[in-house]
Amino acid sequence: AFMLAFVLVGAIVAISSPVASAEAEKCRTPGPELGRFAPAVPPRPVTSEPFFNETGAPVTFADYQGHGLVVNFWATWCPPCIRELPALSRLKDILAPDGIAVIALSVDRGGVPVVKSFLEKIGIDNLDILIDVKGKVSRKTRASGLPTTVLIDQNGIERGRVVGYAEWDKGSAADFIRRCIGS
């Protein structure tokens, strides 16, 4: 029985190591549009801390389980965030057929009224109004600056992130995201 257990453990390790390596490899080579992309080493589970939608209802990353998720932390007072919002809006439409969600999670202290009027003013109507109250989710996610965009796979595991501006709707960015966090 001991020998059988030893052989089984050895087989599991031998199989899981290449699988883990192949998983990590999918998120290693972004195109030039995502040059600041840093893979999560090791990949890590995301926080269960809630953020809130336009009606004040709590939402968590687990609500997106089964789908890849592009999470952008931003604010209305952050020039590079504002610059990349239209690209994230287009990326949402590009990735929707693949079952990959794109969400913009605002850290604005003014909450829903500030974010809603801002998105209306700049003509973006396809991004949900989502608020990270008191920055709890961004802190637990270790978002070190704005904008920070985190790629989360369908199992709720962070695969990597970009800190700073990126051209999300250009070149091979969508293909990279599909490869990295698609099902």
N, C-alpha and C. Protein backbone atom coordinates (compact mmCIF):
# COMPACT_ATOMS: atom_id res chain seq x y z
N ALA A 1 0.84 -1.20 0.00
CA ALA A 1 0.00 0.00 0.00
C ALA A 1 0.87 1.25 0.00
N PHE A 2 1.96 1.24 0.78
CA PHE A 2 2.85 2.39 0.82
C PHE A 2 3.46 2.64 -0.56
N MET A 3 3.89 1.57 -1.21
CA MET A 3 4.52 1.70 -2.53
C MET A 3 3.51 2.25 -3.55
N LEU A 4 2.27 1.76 -3.48
CA LEU A 4 1.24 2.24 -4.39
C LEU A 4 1.00 3.75 -4.17
N ALA A 5 0.90 4.19 -2.92
CA ALA A 5 0.71 5.61 -2.61
C ALA A 5 1.89 6.43 -3.12
N PHE A 6 3.09 5.91 -2.95
CA PHE A 6 4.30 6.60 -3.41
C PHE A 6 4.27 6.77 -4.93
N VAL A 7 3.88 5.72 -5.64
CA VAL A 7 3.80 5.77 -7.11
C VAL A 7 2.72 6.75 -7.55
N LEU A 8 1.56 6.73 -6.88
CA LEU A 8 0.48 7.65 -7.23
C LEU A 8 0.88 9.11 -7.01
N VAL A 9 1.50 9.40 -5.89
CA VAL A 9 1.95 10.77 -5.61
C VAL A 9 2.97 11.20 -6.67
N GLY A 10 3.89 10.32 -6.99
CA GLY A 10 4.88 10.63 -8.03
C GLY A 10 4.23 10.91 -9.37
N ALA A 11 3.20 10.13 -9.72
CA ALA A 11 2.50 10.33 -10.99
C ALA A 11 1.77 11.67 -10.99
N ILE A 12 1.13 12.03 -9.88
CA ILE A 12 0.42 13.30 -9.79
C ILE A 12 1.38 14.47 -9.94
N VAL A 13 2.51 14.40 -9.25
CA VAL A 13 3.52 15.46 -9.35
C VAL A 13 4.04 15.55 -10.78
N ALA A 14 4.31 14.41 -11.39
CA ALA A 14 4.85 14.39 -12.76
C ALA A 14 3.86 14.99 -13.75
N ILE A 15 2.56 14.76 -13.52
CA ILE A 15 1.54 15.28 -14.43
C ILE A 15 1.26 16.75 -14.14
N SER A 16 1.13 17.13 -12.85
CA SER A 16 0.73 18.49 -12.52
C SER A 16 1.80 19.52 -12.84
N SER A 17 3.05 19.15 -12.76
CA SER A 17 4.11 20.12 -13.04
C SER A 17 4.07 20.64 -14.48
N PRO A 18 3.99 19.76 -15.50
CA PRO A 18 3.88 20.28 -16.87
C PRO A 18 2.57 21.03 -17.11
N VAL A 19 1.47 20.60 -16.47
CA VAL A 19 0.20 21.29 -16.64
C VAL A 19 0.32 22.70 -16.09
N ALA A 20 0.87 22.85 -14.88
CA ALA A 20 1.06 24.17 -14.28
C ALA A 20 1.97 25.02 -15.14
N SER A 21 3.00 24.41 -15.67
CA SER A 21 3.94 25.13 -16.53
C SER A 21 3.25 25.61 -17.80
N ALA A 22 2.43 24.75 -18.39
CA ALA A 22 1.70 25.13 -19.61
C ALA A 22 0.72 26.25 -19.32
N GLU A 23 0.04 26.18 -18.17
CA GLU A 23 -0.89 27.24 -17.77
C GLU A 23 -0.15 28.58 -17.67
N ALA A 24 0.99 28.58 -17.00
CA ALA A 24 1.77 29.80 -16.82
C ALA A 24 2.27 30.32 -18.17
N GLU A 25 2.63 29.42 -19.06
CA GLU A 25 3.18 29.81 -20.36
C GLU A 25 2.17 30.59 -21.20
N LYS A 26 0.87 30.32 -21.01
CA LYS A 26 -0.18 31.00 -21.78
C LYS A 26 -0.16 32.51 -21.53
N CYS A 27 0.37 32.94 -20.38
CA CYS A 27 0.34 34.35 -20.01
C CYS A 27 1.74 34.97 -20.02
N ARG A 28 2.66 34.39 -20.75
CA ARG A 28 4.04 34.88 -20.72
C ARG A 28 4.38 35.92 -21.79
N THR A 29 3.76 35.88 -22.95
CA THR A 29 4.24 36.71 -24.05
C THR A 29 3.15 37.62 -24.61
N PRO A 30 2.89 38.74 -23.92
CA PRO A 30 1.92 39.69 -24.47
C PRO A 30 2.55 40.44 -25.65
N GLY A 31 1.70 41.03 -26.46
CA GLY A 31 2.22 41.86 -27.54
C GLY A 31 2.72 43.19 -27.01
N PRO A 32 3.22 44.04 -27.90
CA PRO A 32 3.78 45.34 -27.49
C PRO A 32 2.75 46.26 -26.82
N GLU A 33 1.45 46.07 -27.11
CA GLU A 33 0.40 46.90 -26.52
C GLU A 33 0.34 46.72 -25.00
N LEU A 34 0.72 45.53 -24.55
CA LEU A 34 0.66 45.21 -23.12
C LEU A 34 2.06 44.98 -22.58
N GLY A 35 2.99 45.79 -23.04
CA GLY A 35 4.40 45.63 -22.67
C GLY A 35 4.67 45.67 -21.18
N ARG A 36 3.79 46.30 -20.41
CA ARG A 36 3.99 46.36 -18.95
C ARG A 36 3.35 45.19 -18.22
N PHE A 37 2.82 44.22 -18.97
CA PHE A 37 2.16 43.07 -18.35
C PHE A 37 3.16 42.28 -17.51
N ALA A 38 2.75 41.93 -16.29
CA ALA A 38 3.58 41.10 -15.41
C ALA A 38 2.76 39.88 -15.00
N PRO A 39 3.22 38.67 -15.37
CA PRO A 39 2.49 37.48 -14.96
C PRO A 39 2.49 37.35 -13.44
N ALA A 40 1.43 36.76 -12.89
CA ALA A 40 1.35 36.50 -11.45
C ALA A 40 2.17 35.25 -11.18
N VAL A 41 3.23 35.40 -10.42
CA VAL A 41 4.09 34.26 -10.09
C VAL A 41 4.21 34.16 -8.58
N PRO A 42 3.61 33.14 -7.97
CA PRO A 42 2.71 32.18 -8.61
C PRO A 42 1.34 32.80 -8.82
N PRO A 43 0.52 32.22 -9.71
CA PRO A 43 -0.85 32.69 -9.85
C PRO A 43 -1.54 32.60 -8.49
N ARG A 44 -2.41 33.56 -8.18
CA ARG A 44 -3.01 33.58 -6.84
C ARG A 44 -4.52 33.81 -6.91
N PRO A 45 -5.25 33.22 -5.95
CA PRO A 45 -6.70 33.45 -5.89
C PRO A 45 -7.00 34.92 -5.61
N VAL A 46 -8.11 35.40 -6.14
CA VAL A 46 -8.50 36.79 -5.93
C VAL A 46 -9.26 36.93 -4.62
N THR A 47 -9.40 38.15 -4.17
CA THR A 47 -10.09 38.46 -2.92
C THR A 47 -11.59 38.18 -3.03
N SER A 48 -12.21 37.92 -1.89
CA SER A 48 -13.66 37.76 -1.84
C SER A 48 -14.33 39.05 -1.34
N GLU A 49 -13.51 40.09 -1.13
CA GLU A 49 -14.02 41.40 -0.67
C GLU A 49 -15.03 41.93 -1.70
N PRO A 50 -16.21 42.43 -1.25
CA PRO A 50 -17.20 42.91 -2.21
C PRO A 50 -16.91 44.33 -2.71
N PHE A 51 -17.36 44.59 -3.91
CA PHE A 51 -17.48 45.94 -4.44
C PHE A 51 -18.97 46.11 -4.71
N PHE A 52 -19.40 47.27 -5.23
CA PHE A 52 -20.84 47.54 -5.28
C PHE A 52 -21.25 48.06 -6.64
N ASN A 53 -22.44 47.62 -7.08
CA ASN A 53 -22.94 48.06 -8.38
C ASN A 53 -23.74 49.37 -8.22
N GLU A 54 -24.34 49.82 -9.30
CA GLU A 54 -25.04 51.11 -9.34
C GLU A 54 -26.17 51.20 -8.31
N THR A 55 -26.80 50.06 -7.99
CA THR A 55 -27.91 50.08 -7.03
C THR A 55 -27.43 49.90 -5.59
N GLY A 56 -26.11 49.71 -5.40
CA GLY A 56 -25.58 49.52 -4.06
C GLY A 56 -25.50 48.05 -3.65
N ALA A 57 -25.86 47.14 -4.56
CA ALA A 57 -25.80 45.71 -4.25
C ALA A 57 -24.34 45.24 -4.28
N PRO A 58 -23.97 44.37 -3.34
CA PRO A 58 -22.60 43.85 -3.34
C PRO A 58 -22.35 42.88 -4.50
N VAL A 59 -21.15 42.95 -5.04
CA VAL A 59 -20.71 42.08 -6.13
C VAL A 59 -19.31 41.60 -5.74
N THR A 60 -18.99 40.36 -6.08
CA THR A 60 -17.62 39.87 -5.85
C THR A 60 -17.10 39.25 -7.14
N PHE A 61 -15.80 39.02 -7.18
CA PHE A 61 -15.21 38.36 -8.35
C PHE A 61 -15.79 36.97 -8.54
N ALA A 62 -16.23 36.32 -7.46
CA ALA A 62 -16.83 34.99 -7.55
C ALA A 62 -18.11 35.01 -8.39
N ASP A 63 -18.77 36.17 -8.47
CA ASP A 63 -19.97 36.28 -9.30
C ASP A 63 -19.65 36.07 -10.79
N TYR A 64 -18.39 36.16 -11.15
CA TYR A 64 -17.96 35.98 -12.55
C TYR A 64 -17.34 34.60 -12.77
N GLN A 65 -17.40 33.73 -11.76
CA GLN A 65 -16.81 32.39 -11.84
C GLN A 65 -17.26 31.72 -13.14
N GLY A 66 -16.33 31.05 -13.80
CA GLY A 66 -16.64 30.39 -15.06
C GLY A 66 -16.35 31.25 -16.28
N HIS A 67 -15.97 32.51 -16.04
CA HIS A 67 -15.64 33.43 -17.13
C HIS A 67 -14.30 34.08 -16.85
N GLY A 68 -13.53 34.33 -17.89
CA GLY A 68 -12.34 35.15 -17.72
C GLY A 68 -12.80 36.56 -17.36
N LEU A 69 -11.95 37.31 -16.67
CA LEU A 69 -12.34 38.63 -16.19
C LEU A 69 -11.16 39.59 -16.29
N VAL A 70 -11.40 40.71 -16.95
CA VAL A 70 -10.43 41.80 -17.04
C VAL A 70 -10.95 42.88 -16.09
N VAL A 71 -10.20 43.14 -15.00
CA VAL A 71 -10.63 44.10 -13.99
C VAL A 71 -9.72 45.31 -14.01
N ASN A 72 -10.29 46.46 -14.32
CA ASN A 72 -9.53 47.71 -14.37
C ASN A 72 -9.89 48.57 -13.17
N PHE A 73 -8.89 48.89 -12.34
CA PHE A 73 -9.06 49.83 -11.23
C PHE A 73 -8.75 51.22 -11.77
N TRP A 74 -9.67 52.17 -11.58
CA TRP A 74 -9.53 53.49 -12.17
C TRP A 74 -10.20 54.55 -11.29
N ALA A 75 -10.03 55.82 -11.70
CA ALA A 75 -10.70 56.93 -11.03
C ALA A 75 -10.91 58.06 -12.02
N THR A 76 -11.92 58.88 -11.77
CA THR A 76 -12.26 59.99 -12.67
C THR A 76 -11.19 61.08 -12.66
N TRP A 77 -10.35 61.12 -11.63
CA TRP A 77 -9.31 62.15 -11.50
C TRP A 77 -7.95 61.66 -12.00
N CYS A 78 -7.90 60.48 -12.62
CA CYS A 78 -6.65 59.86 -13.07
C CYS A 78 -6.53 59.97 -14.59
N PRO A 79 -5.67 60.89 -15.11
CA PRO A 79 -5.58 61.08 -16.56
C PRO A 79 -5.29 59.80 -17.37
N PRO A 80 -4.32 58.93 -16.97
CA PRO A 80 -4.12 57.73 -17.79
C PRO A 80 -5.32 56.77 -17.74
N CYS A 81 -6.06 56.78 -16.63
CA CYS A 81 -7.28 55.95 -16.52
C CYS A 81 -8.31 56.43 -17.54
N ILE A 82 -8.51 57.74 -17.58
CA ILE A 82 -9.49 58.34 -18.48
C ILE A 82 -9.10 58.05 -19.93
N ARG A 83 -7.81 58.14 -20.21
CA ARG A 83 -7.31 57.90 -21.56
C ARG A 83 -7.58 56.47 -22.02
N GLU A 84 -7.53 55.48 -21.09
CA GLU A 84 -7.71 54.10 -21.53
C GLU A 84 -9.15 53.59 -21.43
N LEU A 85 -10.06 54.33 -20.80
CA LEU A 85 -11.45 53.88 -20.69
C LEU A 85 -12.11 53.57 -22.04
N PRO A 86 -11.96 54.42 -23.06
CA PRO A 86 -12.58 54.07 -24.35
C PRO A 86 -12.04 52.74 -24.92
N ALA A 87 -10.76 52.46 -24.74
CA ALA A 87 -10.20 51.19 -25.22
C ALA A 87 -10.77 50.01 -24.43
N LEU A 88 -10.96 50.19 -23.13
CA LEU A 88 -11.56 49.12 -22.32
C LEU A 88 -13.01 48.90 -22.71
N SER A 89 -13.72 49.98 -23.03
CA SER A 89 -15.10 49.87 -23.50
C SER A 89 -15.15 49.05 -24.79
N ARG A 90 -14.26 49.35 -25.73
CA ARG A 90 -14.21 48.58 -26.99
C ARG A 90 -13.78 47.14 -26.72
N LEU A 91 -12.82 46.94 -25.81
CA LEU A 91 -12.37 45.59 -25.47
C LEU A 91 -13.53 44.75 -24.92
N LYS A 92 -14.39 45.37 -24.12
CA LYS A 92 -15.55 44.65 -23.59
C LYS A 92 -16.38 44.07 -24.73
N ASP A 93 -16.63 44.87 -25.76
CA ASP A 93 -17.41 44.40 -26.91
C ASP A 93 -16.65 43.33 -27.70
N ILE A 94 -15.34 43.50 -27.83
CA ILE A 94 -14.52 42.53 -28.57
C ILE A 94 -14.52 41.16 -27.89
N LEU A 95 -14.43 41.15 -26.55
CA LEU A 95 -14.29 39.88 -25.81
C LEU A 95 -15.62 39.26 -25.39
N ALA A 96 -16.72 39.99 -25.48
CA ALA A 96 -18.02 39.46 -25.05
C ALA A 96 -18.36 38.12 -25.71
N PRO A 97 -18.14 37.94 -27.02
CA PRO A 97 -18.46 36.64 -27.63
C PRO A 97 -17.63 35.48 -27.06
N ASP A 98 -16.49 35.80 -26.44
CA ASP A 98 -15.63 34.77 -25.86
C ASP A 98 -15.98 34.46 -24.40
N GLY A 99 -16.99 35.14 -23.87
CA GLY A 99 -17.37 34.92 -22.48
C GLY A 99 -16.38 35.51 -21.49
N ILE A 100 -15.62 36.50 -21.93
CA ILE A 100 -14.68 37.19 -21.05
C ILE A 100 -15.27 38.56 -20.72
N ALA A 101 -15.44 38.82 -19.42
CA ALA A 101 -16.04 40.08 -18.98
C ALA A 101 -14.95 41.13 -18.77
N VAL A 102 -15.28 42.38 -19.06
CA VAL A 102 -14.40 43.51 -18.79
C VAL A 102 -15.15 44.44 -17.85
N ILE A 103 -14.55 44.68 -16.67
CA ILE A 103 -15.19 45.58 -15.72
C ILE A 103 -14.22 46.68 -15.30
N ALA A 104 -14.79 47.87 -15.12
CA ALA A 104 -14.03 49.03 -14.66
C ALA A 104 -14.50 49.32 -13.24
N LEU A 105 -13.60 49.17 -12.29
CA LEU A 105 -13.93 49.28 -10.87
C LEU A 105 -13.37 50.60 -10.35
N SER A 106 -14.27 51.56 -10.12
CA SER A 106 -13.86 52.91 -9.72
C SER A 106 -13.52 52.98 -8.22
N VAL A 107 -12.45 53.69 -7.92
CA VAL A 107 -12.08 53.93 -6.52
C VAL A 107 -12.48 55.35 -6.09
N ASP A 108 -13.29 56.04 -6.92
CA ASP A 108 -13.72 57.39 -6.59
C ASP A 108 -14.51 57.41 -5.28
N ARG A 109 -14.16 58.36 -4.40
CA ARG A 109 -14.86 58.48 -3.11
C ARG A 109 -16.27 59.02 -3.28
N GLY A 110 -16.53 59.74 -4.38
CA GLY A 110 -17.86 60.29 -4.62
C GLY A 110 -18.89 59.24 -5.00
N GLY A 111 -18.45 58.01 -5.28
CA GLY A 111 -19.35 56.90 -5.56
C GLY A 111 -20.11 57.00 -6.87
N VAL A 112 -21.27 56.37 -6.87
CA VAL A 112 -22.09 56.21 -8.08
C VAL A 112 -22.38 57.54 -8.78
N PRO A 113 -22.84 58.60 -8.09
CA PRO A 113 -23.18 59.84 -8.82
C PRO A 113 -22.01 60.40 -9.62
N VAL A 114 -20.82 60.40 -9.02
CA VAL A 114 -19.63 60.93 -9.69
C VAL A 114 -19.28 60.09 -10.91
N VAL A 115 -19.26 58.78 -10.73
CA VAL A 115 -18.86 57.87 -11.82
C VAL A 115 -19.90 57.87 -12.93
N LYS A 116 -21.17 57.83 -12.56
CA LYS A 116 -22.24 57.82 -13.56
C LYS A 116 -22.20 59.07 -14.43
N SER A 117 -22.12 60.25 -13.82
CA SER A 117 -22.10 61.48 -14.62
C SER A 117 -20.83 61.58 -15.45
N PHE A 118 -19.72 61.09 -14.92
CA PHE A 118 -18.47 61.12 -15.67
C PHE A 118 -18.55 60.24 -16.92
N LEU A 119 -19.02 59.00 -16.77
CA LEU A 119 -19.13 58.09 -17.92
C LEU A 119 -20.10 58.63 -18.96
N GLU A 120 -21.21 59.25 -18.51
CA GLU A 120 -22.16 59.88 -19.44
C GLU A 120 -21.48 61.01 -20.20
N LYS A 121 -20.70 61.82 -19.47
CA LYS A 121 -20.02 62.98 -20.08
C LYS A 121 -19.04 62.55 -21.17
N ILE A 122 -18.34 61.42 -20.96
CA ILE A 122 -17.36 61.00 -21.97
C ILE A 122 -17.95 60.00 -22.98
N GLY A 123 -19.26 59.71 -22.85
CA GLY A 123 -19.95 58.90 -23.84
C GLY A 123 -19.71 57.40 -23.76
N ILE A 124 -19.40 56.89 -22.58
CA ILE A 124 -19.23 55.44 -22.42
C ILE A 124 -20.46 54.89 -21.72
N ASP A 125 -21.17 53.99 -22.43
CA ASP A 125 -22.42 53.48 -21.87
C ASP A 125 -22.46 51.95 -21.73
N ASN A 126 -21.36 51.27 -22.06
CA ASN A 126 -21.39 49.81 -21.96
C ASN A 126 -20.62 49.27 -20.76
N LEU A 127 -19.97 50.12 -20.00
CA LEU A 127 -19.28 49.65 -18.80
C LEU A 127 -20.20 49.83 -17.59
N ASP A 128 -20.36 48.77 -16.81
CA ASP A 128 -21.20 48.84 -15.61
C ASP A 128 -20.57 49.82 -14.61
N ILE A 129 -21.42 50.48 -13.85
CA ILE A 129 -20.93 51.37 -12.81
C ILE A 129 -20.67 50.51 -11.58
N LEU A 130 -19.39 50.36 -11.26
CA LEU A 130 -18.97 49.52 -10.14
C LEU A 130 -18.03 50.33 -9.26
N ILE A 131 -18.26 50.28 -7.95
CA ILE A 131 -17.53 51.12 -7.01
C ILE A 131 -16.78 50.26 -5.99
N ASP A 132 -15.50 50.56 -5.84
CA ASP A 132 -14.67 49.93 -4.80
C ASP A 132 -14.69 50.86 -3.59
N VAL A 133 -15.68 50.66 -2.71
CA VAL A 133 -15.88 51.54 -1.56
C VAL A 133 -14.66 51.48 -0.64
N LYS A 134 -14.12 52.65 -0.35
CA LYS A 134 -12.95 52.82 0.52
C LYS A 134 -11.72 52.07 0.01
N GLY A 135 -11.70 51.70 -1.28
CA GLY A 135 -10.52 51.06 -1.88
C GLY A 135 -10.18 49.69 -1.30
N LYS A 136 -11.15 49.03 -0.68
CA LYS A 136 -10.87 47.75 -0.02
C LYS A 136 -10.44 46.67 -1.02
N VAL A 137 -11.13 46.59 -2.16
CA VAL A 137 -10.81 45.55 -3.15
C VAL A 137 -9.44 45.82 -3.77
N SER A 138 -9.18 47.08 -4.11
CA SER A 138 -7.88 47.41 -4.71
C SER A 138 -6.73 47.11 -3.73
N ARG A 139 -6.94 47.38 -2.45
CA ARG A 139 -5.91 47.05 -1.45
C ARG A 139 -5.69 45.54 -1.36
N LYS A 140 -6.79 44.79 -1.25
CA LYS A 140 -6.67 43.33 -1.13
C LYS A 140 -6.09 42.71 -2.41
N THR A 141 -6.28 43.38 -3.53
CA THR A 141 -5.75 42.91 -4.82
C THR A 141 -4.31 43.38 -5.02
N ARG A 142 -3.85 44.22 -4.13
CA ARG A 142 -2.50 44.80 -4.19
C ARG A 142 -2.29 45.62 -5.47
N ALA A 143 -3.32 46.40 -5.81
CA ALA A 143 -3.21 47.32 -6.94
C ALA A 143 -2.38 48.51 -6.44
N SER A 144 -1.18 48.65 -6.97
CA SER A 144 -0.23 49.63 -6.42
C SER A 144 -0.34 51.02 -7.04
N GLY A 145 -1.13 51.18 -8.05
CA GLY A 145 -1.30 52.49 -8.68
C GLY A 145 -2.49 52.45 -9.61
N LEU A 146 -2.82 53.59 -10.19
CA LEU A 146 -3.92 53.66 -11.13
C LEU A 146 -3.41 54.14 -12.48
N PRO A 147 -3.92 53.59 -13.55
CA PRO A 147 -4.78 52.41 -13.58
C PRO A 147 -3.97 51.13 -13.33
N THR A 148 -4.63 50.14 -12.76
CA THR A 148 -4.10 48.78 -12.67
C THR A 148 -5.17 47.87 -13.25
N THR A 149 -4.77 46.99 -14.15
CA THR A 149 -5.71 46.06 -14.77
C THR A 149 -5.23 44.64 -14.49
N VAL A 150 -6.13 43.84 -13.90
CA VAL A 150 -5.81 42.48 -13.46
C VAL A 150 -6.56 41.49 -14.35
N LEU A 151 -5.85 40.47 -14.82
CA LEU A 151 -6.46 39.40 -15.61
C LEU A 151 -6.71 38.21 -14.71
N ILE A 152 -7.97 37.79 -14.64
CA ILE A 152 -8.41 36.71 -13.75
C ILE A 152 -9.01 35.60 -14.61
N ASP A 153 -8.58 34.37 -14.38
CA ASP A 153 -9.11 33.26 -15.20
C ASP A 153 -10.49 32.81 -14.69
N GLN A 154 -11.07 31.85 -15.39
CA GLN A 154 -12.43 31.40 -15.07
C GLN A 154 -12.54 30.71 -13.72
N ASN A 155 -11.41 30.37 -13.09
CA ASN A 155 -11.42 29.75 -11.77
C ASN A 155 -11.16 30.75 -10.64
N GLY A 156 -11.13 32.04 -10.97
CA GLY A 156 -10.90 33.05 -9.94
C GLY A 156 -9.45 33.19 -9.53
N ILE A 157 -8.54 32.89 -10.46
CA ILE A 157 -7.11 32.97 -10.19
C ILE A 157 -6.51 34.12 -11.00
N GLU A 158 -5.78 35.01 -10.31
CA GLU A 158 -5.10 36.08 -11.03
C GLU A 158 -3.95 35.49 -11.83
N ARG A 159 -3.93 35.82 -13.13
CA ARG A 159 -2.87 35.34 -14.03
C ARG A 159 -1.83 36.41 -14.33
N GLY A 160 -2.16 37.67 -14.05
CA GLY A 160 -1.20 38.74 -14.28
C GLY A 160 -1.89 40.08 -14.26
N ARG A 161 -1.07 41.15 -14.45
CA ARG A 161 -1.61 42.50 -14.40
C ARG A 161 -0.75 43.47 -15.18
N VAL A 162 -1.37 44.58 -15.51
CA VAL A 162 -0.67 45.71 -16.11
C VAL A 162 -0.88 46.90 -15.17
N VAL A 163 0.20 47.52 -14.74
CA VAL A 163 0.11 48.74 -13.96
C VAL A 163 0.44 49.87 -14.93
N GLY A 164 -0.50 50.81 -15.07
CA GLY A 164 -0.32 51.91 -16.00
C GLY A 164 -1.18 51.73 -17.24
N TYR A 165 -1.08 52.71 -18.12
CA TYR A 165 -1.87 52.76 -19.35
C TYR A 165 -1.48 51.63 -20.31
N ALA A 166 -2.49 51.08 -20.99
CA ALA A 166 -2.25 50.10 -22.04
C ALA A 166 -3.28 50.31 -23.16
N GLU A 167 -2.93 49.89 -24.36
CA GLU A 167 -3.83 49.99 -25.51
C GLU A 167 -4.59 48.67 -25.64
N TRP A 168 -5.63 48.53 -24.84
CA TRP A 168 -6.35 47.26 -24.69
C TRP A 168 -7.06 46.79 -25.94
N ASP A 169 -7.40 47.69 -26.83
CA ASP A 169 -8.16 47.30 -28.02
C ASP A 169 -7.31 47.27 -29.29
N LYS A 170 -6.00 47.30 -29.15
CA LYS A 170 -5.09 47.36 -30.30
C LYS A 170 -4.35 46.03 -30.52
N GLY A 171 -3.94 45.83 -31.77
CA GLY A 171 -3.05 44.72 -32.12
C GLY A 171 -3.48 43.38 -31.56
N SER A 172 -2.55 42.74 -30.88
CA SER A 172 -2.76 41.37 -30.39
C SER A 172 -3.25 41.32 -28.94
N ALA A 173 -3.64 42.46 -28.36
CA ALA A 173 -4.04 42.48 -26.95
C ALA A 173 -5.20 41.52 -26.67
N ALA A 174 -6.25 41.56 -27.49
CA ALA A 174 -7.41 40.68 -27.26
C ALA A 174 -7.02 39.21 -27.42
N ASP A 175 -6.19 38.89 -28.40
CA ASP A 175 -5.75 37.50 -28.58
C ASP A 175 -4.96 37.02 -27.37
N PHE A 176 -4.10 37.89 -26.85
CA PHE A 176 -3.33 37.53 -25.65
C PHE A 176 -4.27 37.27 -24.47
N ILE A 177 -5.27 38.14 -24.28
CA ILE A 177 -6.20 37.97 -23.17
C ILE A 177 -6.98 36.67 -23.32
N ARG A 178 -7.44 36.38 -24.55
CA ARG A 178 -8.15 35.11 -24.79
C ARG A 178 -7.27 33.92 -24.42
N ARG A 179 -6.01 33.97 -24.84
CA ARG A 179 -5.08 32.87 -24.57
C ARG A 179 -4.79 32.74 -23.07
N CYS A 180 -4.63 33.87 -22.41
CA CYS A 180 -4.24 33.89 -21.00
C CYS A 180 -5.38 33.49 -20.07
N ILE A 181 -6.59 34.03 -20.27
CA ILE A 181 -7.66 33.78 -19.31
C ILE A 181 -8.94 33.23 -19.92
N GLY A 182 -8.95 32.94 -21.21
CA GLY A 182 -10.16 32.36 -21.84
C GLY A 182 -10.33 30.92 -21.39
N SER A 183 -11.52 30.39 -21.66
CA SER A 183 -11.79 29.01 -21.21
C SER A 183 -11.19 27.96 -22.12
